[in-house]
Protein backbone atom coordinates (compact mmCIF):
# COMPACT_ATOMS: atom_id res chain seq x y z
CA MET A 1 -39.73 -31.46 -51.45
CA ASP A 2 -41.35 -31.28 -47.71
CA GLU A 3 -37.68 -32.19 -46.49
CA MET A 4 -36.37 -29.37 -48.53
CA MET A 5 -38.79 -27.04 -47.08
CA THR A 6 -38.19 -27.91 -43.27
CA LEU A 7 -36.58 -25.06 -41.48
CA PRO A 8 -33.62 -25.49 -38.61
CA VAL A 9 -33.80 -23.69 -35.60
CA ILE A 10 -33.90 -20.03 -36.85
CA GLN A 11 -33.59 -17.01 -34.21
CA PRO A 12 -36.86 -14.76 -34.64
CA ASN A 13 -36.65 -11.83 -36.84
CA ALA A 14 -36.63 -8.35 -35.42
CA LYS A 15 -39.53 -5.71 -35.55
CA PRO A 16 -38.52 -2.27 -35.65
CA GLU A 17 -38.97 -0.52 -32.34
CA GLY A 18 -38.09 3.00 -31.54
CA LEU A 19 -36.48 5.48 -33.91
CA ASN A 20 -32.94 6.91 -34.10
CA ALA A 21 -32.10 10.83 -34.57
CA LEU A 22 -32.83 10.44 -37.97
CA GLY A 23 -36.90 9.22 -37.71
CA GLN A 24 -35.43 5.89 -39.10
CA PRO A 25 -36.10 2.57 -37.11
CA ARG A 26 -32.93 1.22 -34.57
CA LYS A 27 -31.30 -1.37 -36.34
CA PRO A 28 -30.74 -4.32 -34.40
CA ASN A 29 -26.69 -5.21 -33.64
CA TRP A 30 -25.66 -7.43 -36.33
CA LEU A 31 -26.23 -4.31 -38.44
CA ARG A 32 -23.95 -1.98 -37.09
CA VAL A 33 -20.98 -1.28 -39.43
CA LYS A 34 -17.51 0.50 -38.79
CA LEU A 35 -17.00 4.24 -39.60
CA PRO A 36 -14.79 4.91 -42.84
CA VAL A 37 -11.19 5.28 -42.01
CA GLY A 38 -7.53 4.85 -43.42
CA LYS A 39 -5.47 5.71 -46.20
CA GLU A 40 -7.06 3.57 -48.93
CA TYR A 41 -10.44 5.03 -48.05
CA ALA A 42 -9.11 8.29 -48.67
CA LYS A 43 -7.25 7.57 -51.71
CA VAL A 44 -10.73 6.32 -53.02
CA ARG A 45 -12.20 9.63 -52.24
CA ASN A 46 -9.88 11.68 -53.33
CA ILE A 47 -10.40 9.86 -56.72
CA VAL A 48 -13.73 10.17 -56.69
CA ASP A 49 -13.60 13.84 -56.35
CA GLU A 50 -10.68 14.30 -58.69
CA TYR A 51 -12.61 12.88 -61.73
CA LYS A 52 -15.80 14.45 -60.79
CA LEU A 53 -17.45 10.62 -60.64
CA HIS A 54 -20.74 9.41 -59.00
CA THR A 55 -20.57 6.00 -56.97
CA ILE A 56 -23.58 3.93 -55.65
CA CYS A 57 -21.77 3.72 -52.59
CA GLU A 58 -22.65 7.26 -51.76
CA SER A 59 -25.89 7.79 -53.89
CA GLY A 60 -27.47 4.59 -52.56
CA ASN A 61 -26.24 5.10 -48.59
CA CYS A 62 -24.69 1.76 -49.16
CA PRO A 63 -23.50 0.24 -45.29
CA ASN A 64 -20.75 -1.13 -46.69
CA MET A 65 -19.05 1.80 -48.04
CA GLY A 66 -16.27 2.28 -45.14
CA GLU A 67 -15.32 -1.49 -45.67
CA CYS A 68 -15.09 -1.47 -49.40
CA TRP A 69 -13.91 1.78 -49.80
CA GLY A 70 -11.11 1.12 -47.04
CA ALA A 71 -10.41 -1.88 -49.24
CA GLY A 72 -9.42 0.53 -52.33
CA THR A 73 -12.91 -0.62 -54.50
CA ALA A 74 -15.88 1.58 -55.57
CA THR A 75 -18.85 1.24 -57.43
CA PHE A 76 -19.28 3.59 -59.99
CA MET A 77 -22.46 5.00 -61.29
CA ILE A 78 -22.60 6.30 -64.90
CA LEU A 79 -25.11 8.52 -66.68
CA GLY A 80 -25.34 10.87 -64.04
CA ASN A 81 -26.81 10.63 -60.49
CA VAL A 82 -30.39 11.29 -61.24
CA CYS A 83 -32.53 8.50 -62.30
CA THR A 84 -35.80 8.49 -64.54
CA ARG A 85 -37.61 6.07 -61.85
CA SER A 86 -39.36 6.42 -58.46
CA CYS A 87 -38.72 3.20 -56.79
CA SER A 88 -39.72 3.29 -53.29
CA PHE A 89 -36.38 1.90 -51.65
CA CYS A 90 -33.93 3.87 -53.57
CA ALA A 91 -31.87 6.97 -52.37
CA VAL A 92 -31.03 8.04 -55.70
CA ALA A 93 -32.52 10.84 -56.73
CA THR A 94 -35.02 11.26 -59.06
CA GLY A 95 -36.03 13.48 -61.95
CA ARG A 96 -35.35 14.68 -65.32
CA PRO A 97 -31.52 14.16 -65.65
CA ASN A 98 -29.16 16.30 -67.77
CA GLU A 99 -27.84 15.34 -70.83
CA TYR A 100 -25.22 12.57 -70.46
CA ASP A 101 -21.81 13.49 -70.34
CA VAL A 102 -19.70 11.40 -73.45
CA ASP A 103 -16.26 12.58 -71.42
CA GLU A 104 -17.82 10.08 -68.53
CA PRO A 105 -16.18 6.55 -70.26
CA ARG A 106 -12.60 8.14 -70.09
CA ARG A 107 -12.99 9.36 -66.82
CA VAL A 108 -14.23 6.28 -65.48
CA ALA A 109 -11.57 4.21 -67.18
CA GLU A 110 -8.84 6.32 -65.99
CA ALA A 111 -10.09 6.20 -62.27
CA ILE A 112 -9.98 2.23 -62.47
CA GLN A 113 -6.86 2.33 -63.84
CA LEU A 114 -5.34 4.67 -61.24
CA MET A 115 -7.05 2.63 -58.24
CA GLY A 116 -5.38 -0.40 -59.64
CA VAL A 117 -8.15 -3.07 -58.91
CA LYS A 118 -8.27 -6.16 -59.97
CA HIS A 119 -12.15 -5.98 -60.30
CA ALA A 120 -14.29 -3.37 -61.07
CA VAL A 121 -18.00 -2.73 -60.68
CA ILE A 122 -20.11 -0.31 -62.67
CA THR A 123 -23.89 0.42 -62.43
CA SER A 124 -26.15 3.35 -63.55
CA VAL A 125 -28.78 5.16 -63.12
CA ASN A 126 -32.21 4.19 -65.21
CA ARG A 127 -32.19 6.42 -68.54
CA ASP A 128 -36.12 5.77 -69.89
CA GLU A 129 -35.93 9.15 -71.65
CA LEU A 130 -32.85 8.22 -73.73
CA LYS A 131 -33.92 6.02 -77.09
CA ASP A 132 -31.18 3.67 -76.48
CA ARG A 133 -31.24 3.87 -72.53
CA GLY A 134 -27.77 4.89 -72.40
CA ALA A 135 -26.40 1.49 -73.96
CA ALA A 136 -23.79 3.61 -75.80
CA ILE A 137 -22.35 5.16 -73.01
CA TRP A 138 -22.51 1.42 -71.17
CA HIS A 139 -20.73 -0.07 -74.19
CA GLU A 140 -17.97 2.80 -74.52
CA THR A 141 -17.24 2.68 -70.81
CA VAL A 142 -16.49 -0.85 -70.51
CA ARG A 143 -14.53 -0.60 -73.53
CA MET A 144 -12.42 1.94 -72.31
CA VAL A 145 -12.05 0.29 -68.76
CA LYS A 146 -11.05 -3.01 -70.77
CA GLU A 147 -8.52 -0.91 -72.89
CA LEU A 148 -6.67 0.91 -70.15
CA SER A 149 -6.88 -2.15 -67.52
CA PRO A 150 -7.27 -5.28 -69.90
CA ALA A 151 -6.20 -7.49 -66.75
CA THR A 152 -9.19 -6.11 -64.56
CA THR A 153 -12.42 -8.33 -64.58
CA ILE A 154 -15.86 -6.04 -65.02
CA GLU A 155 -19.23 -6.48 -63.40
CA THR A 156 -22.02 -4.63 -65.07
CA LEU A 157 -25.00 -3.68 -62.89
CA ILE A 158 -27.17 -2.78 -65.45
CA PRO A 159 -31.00 -1.13 -65.46
CA ASP A 160 -34.34 -2.22 -66.71
CA VAL A 161 -34.06 -2.07 -70.81
CA LYS A 162 -37.85 -1.98 -70.91
CA ALA A 163 -37.48 -4.82 -73.25
CA SER A 164 -35.33 -2.88 -75.60
CA TRP A 165 -33.56 -5.98 -76.42
CA ASP A 166 -31.21 -4.05 -78.82
CA ALA A 167 -29.97 -1.73 -75.99
CA LEU A 168 -29.12 -4.86 -73.76
CA ILE A 169 -27.32 -6.34 -76.16
CA THR A 170 -25.27 -2.92 -76.91
CA MET A 171 -24.74 -3.24 -72.94
CA ILE A 172 -23.78 -6.47 -72.28
CA SER A 173 -21.28 -7.08 -75.82
CA PRO A 174 -18.19 -5.20 -74.67
CA GLY A 175 -16.34 -8.04 -72.66
CA GLN A 176 -17.32 -7.53 -68.96
CA GLU A 177 -17.21 -10.97 -67.25
CA VAL A 178 -20.41 -10.67 -64.75
CA VAL A 179 -23.51 -8.86 -66.05
CA SER A 180 -25.90 -8.18 -63.01
CA HIS A 181 -29.68 -6.93 -63.14
CA ASN A 182 -31.34 -6.58 -59.91
CA MET A 183 -35.01 -8.15 -59.34
CA GLU A 184 -34.85 -6.11 -55.93
CA THR A 185 -37.87 -8.04 -54.47
CA VAL A 186 -40.44 -10.75 -54.97
CA LYS A 187 -43.24 -10.87 -57.20
CA GLU A 188 -46.01 -10.11 -55.02
CA LEU A 189 -44.38 -6.73 -53.94
CA TYR A 190 -43.23 -5.09 -57.19
CA ARG A 191 -46.42 -2.60 -57.23
CA ARG A 192 -45.24 -1.16 -54.16
CA VAL A 193 -41.54 -1.23 -54.30
CA ARG A 194 -40.50 -0.92 -58.28
CA PRO A 195 -43.85 0.78 -59.73
CA GLN A 196 -42.14 1.31 -63.06
CA ALA A 197 -40.86 -2.22 -63.33
CA LYS A 198 -42.26 -5.61 -64.18
CA TYR A 199 -41.33 -8.85 -62.79
CA ASP A 200 -41.52 -11.01 -65.61
CA ARG A 201 -39.67 -8.41 -67.95
CA SER A 202 -36.51 -8.32 -65.50
CA LEU A 203 -36.67 -12.11 -65.31
CA GLU A 204 -36.78 -12.04 -69.28
CA GLN A 205 -33.80 -9.63 -69.38
CA ILE A 206 -31.77 -12.01 -67.31
CA ARG A 207 -32.71 -14.71 -69.35
CA ARG A 208 -31.62 -13.11 -72.49
CA THR A 209 -28.49 -12.23 -71.02
CA LYS A 210 -27.82 -15.89 -70.29
CA GLU A 211 -28.72 -16.91 -73.42
CA TYR A 212 -25.94 -14.37 -75.01
CA GLY A 213 -23.61 -16.50 -72.90
CA LYS A 214 -22.88 -14.38 -70.00
CA ARG A 215 -22.49 -14.98 -66.15
CA THR A 216 -25.78 -13.66 -65.07
CA LYS A 217 -26.44 -12.22 -61.56
CA THR A 218 -29.24 -10.76 -59.77
CA GLY A 219 -30.25 -9.22 -55.94
CA ILE A 220 -33.06 -9.20 -54.02
CA MET A 221 -33.43 -6.98 -50.97
CA LEU A 222 -35.41 -8.69 -47.51
CA GLY A 223 -37.46 -6.98 -45.20
CA LEU A 224 -39.95 -5.48 -47.01
CA GLY A 225 -42.82 -8.25 -45.66
CA GLU A 226 -42.21 -10.81 -48.18
CA THR A 227 -43.13 -14.48 -46.75
CA ARG A 228 -40.70 -17.18 -46.99
CA GLU A 229 -42.53 -18.98 -49.68
CA GLN A 230 -42.50 -15.94 -51.78
CA VAL A 231 -38.85 -16.10 -51.68
CA TYR A 232 -38.50 -19.71 -52.25
CA GLN A 233 -40.51 -18.82 -55.55
CA ALA A 234 -38.21 -16.12 -56.47
CA MET A 235 -35.30 -18.36 -56.45
CA ASP A 236 -37.04 -21.14 -58.43
CA ASP A 237 -37.84 -18.33 -61.10
CA LEU A 238 -34.37 -17.01 -61.35
CA ALA A 239 -32.99 -20.83 -61.77
CA ALA A 240 -35.52 -21.18 -64.26
CA ASN A 241 -34.52 -18.34 -66.19
CA GLY A 242 -30.65 -18.84 -66.01
CA CYS A 243 -29.75 -16.83 -62.93
CA ASP A 244 -26.13 -17.77 -61.99
CA ILE A 245 -25.31 -15.57 -58.77
CA LEU A 246 -27.88 -14.49 -56.19
CA THR A 247 -27.26 -11.71 -53.23
CA LEU A 248 -29.61 -11.41 -50.65
CA GLY A 249 -29.60 -8.60 -48.11
CA GLN A 250 -31.48 -6.80 -45.35
CA TYR A 251 -33.53 -3.57 -46.78
CA LEU A 252 -32.62 -0.23 -44.93
CA GLN A 253 -34.92 2.46 -45.17
CA PRO A 254 -32.81 5.72 -46.60
CA THR A 255 -35.02 8.11 -45.53
CA LYS A 256 -38.54 8.88 -43.88
CA LEU A 257 -39.95 9.35 -47.25
CA HIS A 258 -39.26 5.82 -48.60
CA ILE A 259 -40.66 2.23 -47.71
CA GLU A 260 -40.47 1.73 -44.53
CA VAL A 261 -38.77 -1.50 -42.87
CA ALA A 262 -41.22 -4.58 -42.17
CA GLU A 263 -38.75 -6.33 -40.14
CA PHE A 264 -35.06 -6.90 -39.70
CA ILE A 265 -34.27 -10.34 -40.76
CA HIS A 266 -32.23 -12.54 -38.59
CA PRO A 267 -28.69 -13.69 -39.93
CA ASP A 268 -29.80 -17.48 -39.47
CA LEU A 269 -32.63 -16.99 -41.72
CA PHE A 270 -30.34 -15.50 -44.04
CA GLU A 271 -28.16 -18.73 -44.12
CA HIS A 272 -31.33 -20.63 -44.53
CA TYR A 273 -31.96 -18.73 -47.58
CA ARG A 274 -28.20 -19.10 -48.76
CA GLU A 275 -28.83 -22.89 -48.62
CA GLU A 276 -32.20 -23.14 -50.22
CA GLY A 277 -30.76 -21.18 -53.21
CA LEU A 278 -28.19 -23.59 -53.76
CA LYS A 279 -30.59 -26.36 -53.54
CA ARG A 280 -32.91 -24.91 -56.21
CA GLY A 281 -30.28 -24.56 -58.76
CA ILE A 282 -28.75 -21.37 -58.43
CA LYS A 283 -24.76 -21.81 -58.35
CA TYR A 284 -23.62 -18.82 -55.94
CA VAL A 285 -25.61 -17.41 -53.22
CA GLU A 286 -24.36 -14.41 -51.04
CA SER A 287 -26.72 -14.08 -48.32
CA GLY A 288 -26.46 -11.63 -45.09
CA PRO A 289 -27.77 -8.68 -43.28
CA LEU A 290 -25.30 -6.29 -44.83
CA VAL A 291 -24.55 -8.15 -48.41
CA ARG A 292 -25.38 -5.68 -51.20
CA SER A 293 -25.24 -6.17 -55.07
CA SER A 294 -21.41 -5.41 -55.33
CA TYR A 295 -20.41 -6.78 -51.97
CA HIS A 296 -17.38 -9.37 -52.40
CA ALA A 297 -18.14 -9.21 -56.39
CA GLU A 298 -14.73 -10.36 -57.17
CA ARG A 299 -15.82 -13.92 -56.13
CA HIS A 300 -18.61 -14.17 -58.44
CA VAL A 301 -16.21 -13.83 -61.63
CA ASN A 302 -15.23 -17.70 -61.56
CA VAL A 303 -18.58 -18.95 -60.76
């Protein structure tokens, strides 16, 4: 075990220094991204607007939006764009959602068919006010995508079902290849980062998904003040509960109202965490400052 814990030479993490024009911490060079341009980007933009769809790319202020949309892919967000949770890291609006749109599954499926993507990623807001947590819409969306685009593989990034296990089965049963549920952070930071969620409950959701026979995936943000030992423990917990795929990325503060960045994790440490995750039994680890849940998601289908 001591050998496993021995760190290679790793450059120091960067502490936030100074603010940009939006009042947010200035980012180190390794977090700079290109502005979105190109025909494929414009095509995705037009489809999203025409079909009146939501994407987590926009709602979540994803730094990779330009790269992904420029490659002709997007992560669609169903069940509206208002979440019943108030996680301290998330840019998605919080409040009382409107009635869900029963026509949304059709529009999402037609948009994916029009885009012609080989792999689609779908996520949603939390809908805690719904008895089934939105499971029926989830099921119908995946079913319709498969009907219109049978060759397209699907990843569903599903919310915390609050131990409504019947709802979970409804969400994960219509044929998607990967089921993801994000842990978001280490156990010790849950009260600050995910106050309406429970670490052990999310682990159980991953375990039950694996027991159903699905390829399982989760994501954790770094730079919120977690220690290396806490990250290692989270990896061990995930491996013990059947998680196949782990993504690790840098937390970026969406606005001044959200939880602050404690530090910017150096790329060397991200690589170390990737190696540690594999050693601890996770089959595939995507780890880097700009990695997000759906980043290179097409690679995760055959894990």
